PDB file of all heavy atoms in Angstrom:
ATOM      1  N   ILE A   1    -173.392 -42.896 162.788  1.00  0.00           N
ATOM      2  CA  ILE A   1    -172.389 -41.816 162.971  1.00  0.00           C
ATOM      3  C   ILE A   1    -171.111 -42.374 162.645  1.00  0.00           C
ATOM      4  O   ILE A   1    -170.161 -41.730 162.007  1.00  0.00           O
ATOM      5  CB  ILE A   1    -172.341 -41.281 164.463  1.00  0.00           C
ATOM      6  CG1 ILE A   1    -173.738 -40.479 164.698  1.00  0.00           C
ATOM      7  CG2 ILE A   1    -171.206 -40.401 164.833  1.00  0.00           C
ATOM      8  CD1 ILE A   1    -174.004 -40.015 166.049  1.00  0.00           C
ATOM      9  N   LEU A   2    -170.715 -43.587 163.127  1.00  0.00           N
ATOM     10  CA  LEU A   2    -169.447 -44.213 162.770  1.00  0.00           C
ATOM     11  C   LEU A   2    -169.202 -44.444 161.331  1.00  0.00           C
ATOM     12  O   LEU A   2    -168.146 -44.305 160.760  1.00  0.00           O
ATOM     13  CB  LEU A   2    -169.151 -45.419 163.694  1.00  0.00           C
ATOM     14  CG  LEU A   2    -168.982 -45.230 165.076  1.00  0.00           C
ATOM     15  CD1 LEU A   2    -168.783 -46.638 165.810  1.00  0.00           C
ATOM     16  CD2 LEU A   2    -167.909 -44.333 165.476  1.00  0.00           C
ATOM     17  N   GLY A   3    -170.317 -44.845 160.719  1.00  0.00           N
ATOM     18  CA  GLY A   3    -170.328 -45.054 159.240  1.00  0.00           C
ATOM     19  C   GLY A   3    -169.964 -43.778 158.498  1.00  0.00           C
ATOM     20  O   GLY A   3    -169.218 -43.776 157.537  1.00  0.00           O
ATOM     21  N   LEU A   4    -170.636 -42.696 158.966  1.00  0.00           N
ATOM     22  CA  LEU A   4    -170.428 -41.354 158.318  1.00  0.00           C
ATOM     23  C   LEU A   4    -168.852 -40.948 158.553  1.00  0.00           C
ATOM     24  O   LEU A   4    -168.267 -40.394 157.644  1.00  0.00           O
ATOM     25  CB  LEU A   4    -171.399 -40.402 158.776  1.00  0.00           C
ATOM     26  CG  LEU A   4    -172.779 -40.557 158.312  1.00  0.00           C
ATOM     27  CD1 LEU A   4    -173.748 -39.548 159.051  1.00  0.00           C
ATOM     28  CD2 LEU A   4    -172.858 -40.381 156.766  1.00  0.00           C
ATOM     29  N   LEU A   5    -168.562 -41.286 159.750  1.00  0.00           N
ATOM     30  CA  LEU A   5    -167.046 -40.918 160.056  1.00  0.00           C
ATOM     31  C   LEU A   5    -166.047 -41.673 159.165  1.00  0.00           C
ATOM     32  O   LEU A   5    -165.045 -41.139 158.840  1.00  0.00           O
ATOM     33  CB  LEU A   5    -166.761 -41.130 161.601  1.00  0.00           C
ATOM     34  CG  LEU A   5    -167.302 -40.071 162.475  1.00  0.00           C
ATOM     35  CD1 LEU A   5    -167.095 -40.530 163.911  1.00  0.00           C
ATOM     36  CD2 LEU A   5    -166.819 -38.723 162.263  1.00  0.00           C
ATOM     37  N   GLN A   6    -166.409 -42.960 158.764  1.00  0.00           N
ATOM     38  CA  GLN A   6    -165.643 -43.734 157.821  1.00  0.00           C
ATOM     39  C   GLN A   6    -165.546 -42.974 156.557  1.00  0.00           C
ATOM     40  O   GLN A   6    -164.432 -42.785 156.020  1.00  0.00           O
ATOM     41  CB  GLN A   6    -166.267 -45.110 157.590  1.00  0.00           C
ATOM     42  CG  GLN A   6    -165.976 -46.092 158.762  1.00  0.00           C
ATOM     43  CD  GLN A   6    -164.599 -46.639 158.809  1.00  0.00           C
ATOM     44  OE1 GLN A   6    -164.120 -46.958 157.731  1.00  0.00           O
ATOM     45  NE2 GLN A   6    -164.048 -46.641 159.873  1.00  0.00           N
ATOM     46  N   PHE A   7    -166.652 -42.558 156.123  1.00  0.00           N
ATOM     47  CA  PHE A   7    -166.801 -41.797 154.839  1.00  0.00           C
ATOM     48  C   PHE A   7    -165.941 -40.475 154.894  1.00  0.00           C
ATOM     49  O   PHE A   7    -165.109 -40.201 153.945  1.00  0.00           O
ATOM     50  CB  PHE A   7    -168.198 -41.474 154.546  1.00  0.00           C
ATOM     51  CG  PHE A   7    -168.476 -40.838 153.222  1.00  0.00           C
ATOM     52  CD1 PHE A   7    -168.414 -41.648 152.050  1.00  0.00           C
ATOM     53  CD2 PHE A   7    -168.876 -39.581 153.104  1.00  0.00           C
ATOM     54  CE1 PHE A   7    -168.643 -41.118 150.770  1.00  0.00           C
ATOM     55  CE2 PHE A   7    -169.146 -39.001 151.891  1.00  0.00           C
ATOM     56  CZ  PHE A   7    -169.097 -39.820 150.837  1.00  0.00           C
ATOM     57  N   VAL A   8    -166.034 -39.777 155.957  1.00  0.00           N
ATOM     58  CA  VAL A   8    -165.347 -38.471 156.076  1.00  0.00           C
ATOM     59  C   VAL A   8    -163.826 -38.785 156.261  1.00  0.00           C
ATOM     60  O   VAL A   8    -163.086 -38.085 155.727  1.00  0.00           O
ATOM     61  CB  VAL A   8    -165.852 -37.788 157.369  1.00  0.00           C
ATOM     62  CG1 VAL A   8    -165.021 -36.613 157.748  1.00  0.00           C
ATOM     63  CG2 VAL A   8    -167.266 -37.236 157.125  1.00  0.00           C
ATOM     64  N   THR A   9    -163.503 -39.885 156.940  1.00  0.00           N
ATOM     65  CA  THR A   9    -162.046 -40.197 157.082  1.00  0.00           C
ATOM     66  C   THR A   9    -161.404 -40.432 155.724  1.00  0.00           C
ATOM     67  O   THR A   9    -160.318 -40.009 155.455  1.00  0.00           O
ATOM     68  CB  THR A   9    -161.901 -41.436 157.981  1.00  0.00           C
ATOM     69  OG1 THR A   9    -162.470 -41.133 159.268  1.00  0.00           O
ATOM     70  CG2 THR A   9    -160.429 -41.762 158.140  1.00  0.00           C
ATOM     71  N   THR A  10    -162.102 -41.113 154.862  1.00  0.00           N
ATOM     72  CA  THR A  10    -161.486 -41.335 153.565  1.00  0.00           C
ATOM     73  C   THR A  10    -161.272 -40.125 152.782  1.00  0.00           C
ATOM     74  O   THR A  10    -160.125 -39.952 152.254  1.00  0.00           O
ATOM     75  CB  THR A  10    -162.561 -42.219 152.758  1.00  0.00           C
ATOM     76  OG1 THR A  10    -162.857 -43.391 153.382  1.00  0.00           O
ATOM     77  CG2 THR A  10    -162.082 -42.496 151.305  1.00  0.00           C
ATOM     78  N   PHE A  11    -162.085 -39.124 152.790  1.00  0.00           N
ATOM     79  CA  PHE A  11    -161.930 -37.837 152.063  1.00  0.00           C
ATOM     80  C   PHE A  11    -160.793 -37.007 152.852  1.00  0.00           C
ATOM     81  O   PHE A  11    -159.996 -36.357 152.178  1.00  0.00           O
ATOM     82  CB  PHE A  11    -163.165 -37.092 151.980  1.00  0.00           C
ATOM     83  CG  PHE A  11    -164.104 -37.650 150.940  1.00  0.00           C
ATOM     84  CD1 PHE A  11    -165.117 -38.434 151.160  1.00  0.00           C
ATOM     85  CD2 PHE A  11    -163.794 -37.426 149.590  1.00  0.00           C
ATOM     86  CE1 PHE A  11    -165.883 -39.066 150.215  1.00  0.00           C
ATOM     87  CE2 PHE A  11    -164.533 -38.004 148.562  1.00  0.00           C
ATOM     88  CZ  PHE A  11    -165.626 -38.794 148.847  1.00  0.00           C
ATOM     89  N   THR A  12    -160.746 -37.082 154.126  1.00  0.00           N
ATOM     90  CA  THR A  12    -159.764 -36.346 154.947  1.00  0.00           C
ATOM     91  C   THR A  12    -158.299 -36.827 154.582  1.00  0.00           C
ATOM     92  O   THR A  12    -157.501 -36.092 154.329  1.00  0.00           O
ATOM     93  CB  THR A  12    -160.095 -36.471 156.405  1.00  0.00           C
ATOM     94  OG1 THR A  12    -161.331 -35.958 156.648  1.00  0.00           O
ATOM     95  CG2 THR A  12    -159.038 -35.647 157.168  1.00  0.00           C
ATOM     96  N   ILE A  13    -158.241 -38.160 154.579  1.00  0.00           N
ATOM     97  CA  ILE A  13    -156.896 -38.757 154.240  1.00  0.00           C
ATOM     98  C   ILE A  13    -156.479 -38.427 152.769  1.00  0.00           C
ATOM     99  O   ILE A  13    -155.335 -38.117 152.569  1.00  0.00           O
ATOM    100  CB  ILE A  13    -156.939 -40.368 154.443  1.00  0.00           C
ATOM    101  CG1 ILE A  13    -156.965 -40.639 155.964  1.00  0.00           C
ATOM    102  CG2 ILE A  13    -155.722 -40.938 153.816  1.00  0.00           C
ATOM    103  CD1 ILE A  13    -157.168 -42.066 156.233  1.00  0.00           C
ATOM    104  N   THR A  14    -157.501 -38.443 151.915  1.00  0.00           N
ATOM    105  CA  THR A  14    -157.118 -38.145 150.495  1.00  0.00           C
ATOM    106  C   THR A  14    -156.706 -36.646 150.437  1.00  0.00           C
ATOM    107  O   THR A  14    -155.742 -36.310 149.759  1.00  0.00           O
ATOM    108  CB  THR A  14    -158.452 -38.332 149.628  1.00  0.00           C
ATOM    109  OG1 THR A  14    -158.741 -39.810 149.639  1.00  0.00           O
ATOM    110  CG2 THR A  14    -158.070 -37.909 148.152  1.00  0.00           C
ATOM    111  N   THR A  15    -157.400 -35.721 151.132  1.00  0.00           N
ATOM    112  CA  THR A  15    -156.978 -34.398 151.114  1.00  0.00           C
ATOM    113  C   THR A  15    -155.619 -34.142 151.693  1.00  0.00           C
ATOM    114  O   THR A  15    -154.882 -33.333 151.101  1.00  0.00           O
ATOM    115  CB  THR A  15    -158.135 -33.538 151.885  1.00  0.00           C
ATOM    116  OG1 THR A  15    -159.422 -33.709 151.281  1.00  0.00           O
ATOM    117  CG2 THR A  15    -157.749 -32.065 151.894  1.00  0.00           C
ATOM    118  N   LEU A  16    -155.425 -34.764 152.819  1.00  0.00           N
ATOM    119  CA  LEU A  16    -154.079 -34.681 153.403  1.00  0.00           C
ATOM    120  C   LEU A  16    -153.044 -35.164 152.459  1.00  0.00           C
ATOM    121  O   LEU A  16    -151.971 -34.467 152.375  1.00  0.00           O
ATOM    122  CB  LEU A  16    -154.066 -35.409 154.741  1.00  0.00           C
ATOM    123  CG  LEU A  16    -154.902 -34.855 155.967  1.00  0.00           C
ATOM    124  CD1 LEU A  16    -154.936 -35.775 157.097  1.00  0.00           C
ATOM    125  CD2 LEU A  16    -154.433 -33.358 156.338  1.00  0.00           C
ATOM    126  N   TYR A  17    -153.275 -36.324 151.847  1.00  0.00           N
ATOM    127  CA  TYR A  17    -152.289 -36.746 150.949  1.00  0.00           C
ATOM    128  C   TYR A  17    -151.989 -35.896 149.688  1.00  0.00           C
ATOM    129  O   TYR A  17    -150.790 -35.609 149.376  1.00  0.00           O
ATOM    130  CB  TYR A  17    -152.583 -38.185 150.443  1.00  0.00           C
ATOM    131  CG  TYR A  17    -151.551 -38.735 149.450  1.00  0.00           C
ATOM    132  CD1 TYR A  17    -150.376 -39.170 150.000  1.00  0.00           C
ATOM    133  CD2 TYR A  17    -151.682 -38.690 148.139  1.00  0.00           C
ATOM    134  CE1 TYR A  17    -149.392 -39.750 149.119  1.00  0.00           C
ATOM    135  CE2 TYR A  17    -150.695 -39.127 147.270  1.00  0.00           C
ATOM    136  CZ  TYR A  17    -149.479 -39.645 147.918  1.00  0.00           C
ATOM    137  OH  TYR A  17    -148.497 -40.039 147.030  1.00  0.00           O
ATOM    138  N   VAL A  18    -153.013 -35.304 149.202  1.00  0.00           N
ATOM    139  CA  VAL A  18    -152.835 -34.343 148.047  1.00  0.00           C
ATOM    140  C   VAL A  18    -152.030 -33.117 148.413  1.00  0.00           C
ATOM    141  O   VAL A  18    -151.102 -32.752 147.758  1.00  0.00           O
ATOM    142  CB  VAL A  18    -154.233 -34.041 147.446  1.00  0.00           C
ATOM    143  CG1 VAL A  18    -154.077 -32.783 146.528  1.00  0.00           C
ATOM    144  CG2 VAL A  18    -154.896 -35.096 146.753  1.00  0.00           C
ATOM    145  N   ARG A  19    -152.339 -32.696 149.521  1.00  0.00           N
ATOM    146  CA  ARG A  19    -151.564 -31.414 150.190  1.00  0.00           C
ATOM    147  C   ARG A  19    -150.177 -31.848 150.433  1.00  0.00           C
ATOM    148  O   ARG A  19    -149.177 -31.133 150.034  1.00  0.00           O
ATOM    149  CB  ARG A  19    -152.269 -31.064 151.396  1.00  0.00           C
ATOM    150  CG  ARG A  19    -152.004 -29.614 151.798  1.00  0.00           C
ATOM    151  CD  ARG A  19    -152.643 -29.103 153.041  1.00  0.00           C
ATOM    152  NE  ARG A  19    -154.115 -29.108 152.837  1.00  0.00           N
ATOM    153  CZ  ARG A  19    -154.951 -29.076 153.828  1.00  0.00           C
ATOM    154  NH1 ARG A  19    -154.600 -28.989 155.132  1.00  0.00           N
ATOM    155  NH2 ARG A  19    -156.188 -29.081 153.649  1.00  0.00           N
ATOM    156  N   PHE A  20    -149.921 -33.009 151.029  1.00  0.00           N
ATOM    157  CA  PHE A  20    -148.591 -33.507 151.238  1.00  0.00           C
ATOM    158  C   PHE A  20    -147.807 -33.731 149.909  1.00  0.00           C
ATOM    159  O   PHE A  20    -146.690 -33.351 149.867  1.00  0.00           O
ATOM    160  CB  PHE A  20    -148.660 -34.783 152.031  1.00  0.00           C
ATOM    161  CG  PHE A  20    -147.332 -35.470 152.208  1.00  0.00           C
ATOM    162  CD1 PHE A  20    -146.467 -35.066 153.169  1.00  0.00           C
ATOM    163  CD2 PHE A  20    -146.912 -36.576 151.408  1.00  0.00           C
ATOM    164  CE1 PHE A  20    -145.166 -35.679 153.370  1.00  0.00           C
ATOM    165  CE2 PHE A  20    -145.755 -37.202 151.679  1.00  0.00           C
ATOM    166  CZ  PHE A  20    -144.851 -36.791 152.634  1.00  0.00           C
ATOM    167  N   ALA A  21    -148.444 -34.332 148.955  1.00  0.00           N
ATOM    168  CA  ALA A  21    -147.819 -34.683 147.704  1.00  0.00           C
ATOM    169  C   ALA A  21    -147.422 -33.251 146.941  1.00  0.00           C
ATOM    170  O   ALA A  21    -146.335 -33.187 146.401  1.00  0.00           O
ATOM    171  CB  ALA A  21    -148.705 -35.551 146.857  1.00  0.00           C
ATOM    172  N   ASN A  22    -148.430 -32.356 146.978  1.00  0.00           N
ATOM    173  CA  ASN A  22    -148.168 -31.146 146.304  1.00  0.00           C
ATOM    174  C   ASN A  22    -146.979 -30.374 146.916  1.00  0.00           C
ATOM    175  O   ASN A  22    -146.176 -29.739 146.248  1.00  0.00           O
ATOM    176  CB  ASN A  22    -149.284 -30.197 146.331  1.00  0.00           C
ATOM    177  CG  ASN A  22    -150.431 -30.625 145.451  1.00  0.00           C
ATOM    178  OD1 ASN A  22    -150.116 -31.379 144.453  1.00  0.00           O
ATOM    179  ND2 ASN A  22    -151.632 -30.257 145.661  1.00  0.00           N
ATOM    180  N   ARG A  23    -146.747 -30.430 148.260  1.00  0.00           N
ATOM    181  CA  ARG A  23    -145.692 -29.777 148.944  1.00  0.00           C
ATOM    182  C   ARG A  23    -144.370 -30.541 148.941  1.00  0.00           C
ATOM    183  O   ARG A  23    -143.344 -29.930 148.661  1.00  0.00           O
ATOM    184  CB  ARG A  23    -146.184 -29.611 150.379  1.00  0.00           C
ATOM    185  CG  ARG A  23    -146.465 -28.233 150.795  1.00  0.00           C
ATOM    186  CD  ARG A  23    -146.657 -27.897 152.303  1.00  0.00           C
ATOM    187  NE  ARG A  23    -146.366 -29.136 153.113  1.00  0.00           N
ATOM    188  CZ  ARG A  23    -147.245 -29.820 153.781  1.00  0.00           C
ATOM    189  NH1 ARG A  23    -148.625 -29.538 153.703  1.00  0.00           N
ATOM    190  NH2 ARG A  23    -146.839 -30.794 154.486  1.00  0.00           N
ATOM    191  N   LYS A  24    -144.371 -31.756 149.203  1.00  0.00           N
ATOM    192  CA  LYS A  24    -143.153 -32.511 149.440  1.00  0.00           C
ATOM    193  C   LYS A  24    -142.719 -33.489 148.273  1.00  0.00           C
ATOM    194  O   LYS A  24    -141.578 -33.720 148.120  1.00  0.00           O
ATOM    195  CB  LYS A  24    -143.239 -33.368 150.678  1.00  0.00           C
ATOM    196  CG  LYS A  24    -143.711 -32.594 151.947  1.00  0.00           C
ATOM    197  CD  LYS A  24    -142.512 -31.981 152.471  1.00  0.00           C
ATOM    198  CE  LYS A  24    -142.795 -31.357 153.873  1.00  0.00           C
ATOM    199  NZ  LYS A  24    -141.731 -30.850 154.562  1.00  0.00           N
ATOM    200  N   LEU A  25    -143.712 -34.037 147.612  1.00  0.00           N
ATOM    201  CA  LEU A  25    -143.374 -35.054 146.647  1.00  0.00           C
ATOM    202  C   LEU A  25    -143.192 -34.525 145.136  1.00  0.00           C
ATOM    203  O   LEU A  25    -142.284 -34.909 144.452  1.00  0.00           O
ATOM    204  CB  LEU A  25    -144.412 -36.219 146.699  1.00  0.00           C
ATOM    205  CG  LEU A  25    -144.643 -36.984 148.007  1.00  0.00           C
ATOM    206  CD1 LEU A  25    -145.668 -38.007 147.868  1.00  0.00           C
ATOM    207  CD2 LEU A  25    -143.286 -37.596 148.415  1.00  0.00           C
ATOM    208  N   ASP A  26    -144.179 -33.793 144.812  1.00  0.00           N
ATOM    209  CA  ASP A  26    -144.229 -33.276 143.382  1.00  0.00           C
ATOM    210  C   ASP A  26    -143.021 -32.563 142.934  1.00  0.00           C
ATOM    211  O   ASP A  26    -142.524 -32.858 141.838  1.00  0.00           O
ATOM    212  CB  ASP A  26    -145.503 -32.552 143.094  1.00  0.00           C
ATOM    213  CG  ASP A  26    -146.740 -33.415 143.124  1.00  0.00           C
ATOM    214  OD1 ASP A  26    -146.579 -34.685 143.194  1.00  0.00           O
ATOM    215  OD2 ASP A  26    -147.822 -32.862 143.022  1.00  0.00           O
ATOM    216  N   PRO A  27    -142.496 -31.641 143.766  1.00  0.00           N
ATOM    217  CA  PRO A  27    -141.216 -30.922 143.228  1.00  0.00           C
ATOM    218  C   PRO A  27    -140.056 -31.934 143.068  1.00  0.00           C
ATOM    219  O   PRO A  27    -139.378 -31.747 141.976  1.00  0.00           O
ATOM    220  CB  PRO A  27    -140.932 -29.895 144.377  1.00  0.00           C
ATOM    221  CG  PRO A  27    -142.270 -29.716 145.123  1.00  0.00           C
ATOM    222  CD  PRO A  27    -142.929 -31.046 144.947  1.00  0.00           C
ATOM    223  N   VAL A  28    -139.927 -32.827 143.926  1.00  0.00           N
ATOM    224  CA  VAL A  28    -138.785 -33.770 143.773  1.00  0.00           C
ATOM    225  C   VAL A  28    -138.949 -34.655 142.598  1.00  0.00           C
ATOM    226  O   VAL A  28    -138.080 -34.920 141.741  1.00  0.00           O
ATOM    227  CB  VAL A  28    -138.474 -34.648 145.054  1.00  0.00           C
ATOM    228  CG1 VAL A  28    -137.437 -35.629 144.868  1.00  0.00           C
ATOM    229  CG2 VAL A  28    -138.246 -33.678 146.273  1.00  0.00           C
ATOM    230  N   ALA A  29    -140.266 -35.092 142.416  1.00  0.00           N
ATOM    231  CA  ALA A  29    -140.615 -36.001 141.295  1.00  0.00           C
ATOM    232  C   ALA A  29    -140.425 -35.325 139.982  1.00  0.00           C
ATOM    233  O   ALA A  29    -139.885 -35.921 138.969  1.00  0.00           O
ATOM    234  CB  ALA A  29    -142.060 -36.489 141.445  1.00  0.00           C
ATOM    235  N   GLU A  30    -140.672 -34.079 139.942  1.00  0.00           N
ATOM    236  CA  GLU A  30    -140.465 -33.269 138.605  1.00  0.00           C
ATOM    237  C   GLU A  30    -139.031 -33.227 138.301  1.00  0.00           C
ATOM    238  O   GLU A  30    -138.517 -33.240 137.252  1.00  0.00           O
ATOM    239  CB  GLU A  30    -141.136 -31.862 138.773  1.00  0.00           C
ATOM    240  CG  GLU A  30    -142.578 -31.919 138.690  1.00  0.00           C
ATOM    241  CD  GLU A  30    -143.183 -30.577 138.845  1.00  0.00           C
ATOM    242  OE1 GLU A  30    -142.611 -29.464 138.777  1.00  0.00           O
ATOM    243  OE2 GLU A  30    -144.484 -30.493 139.195  1.00  0.00           O
ATOM    244  N   ASP A  31    -138.152 -32.976 139.414  1.00  0.00           N
ATOM    245  CA  ASP A  31    -136.762 -32.997 139.171  1.00  0.00           C
ATOM    246  C   ASP A  31    -136.148 -34.287 138.659  1.00  0.00           C
ATOM    247  O   ASP A  31    -135.322 -34.297 137.766  1.00  0.00           O
ATOM    248  CB  ASP A  31    -136.030 -32.472 140.472  1.00  0.00           C
ATOM    249  CG  ASP A  31    -136.203 -31.113 140.881  1.00  0.00           C
ATOM    250  OD1 ASP A  31    -136.647 -30.364 140.081  1.00  0.00           O
ATOM    251  OD2 ASP A  31    -136.009 -30.738 142.063  1.00  0.00           O
TER     252      ASP A  31
END
């Protein structure tokens, strides 16, 4: 179970980062 949670955590962090980057980072980077 903990091993599967490691796997899920990796994808969750990636999803959160992509969402964060799309909202907060990408517009400023484009400017």
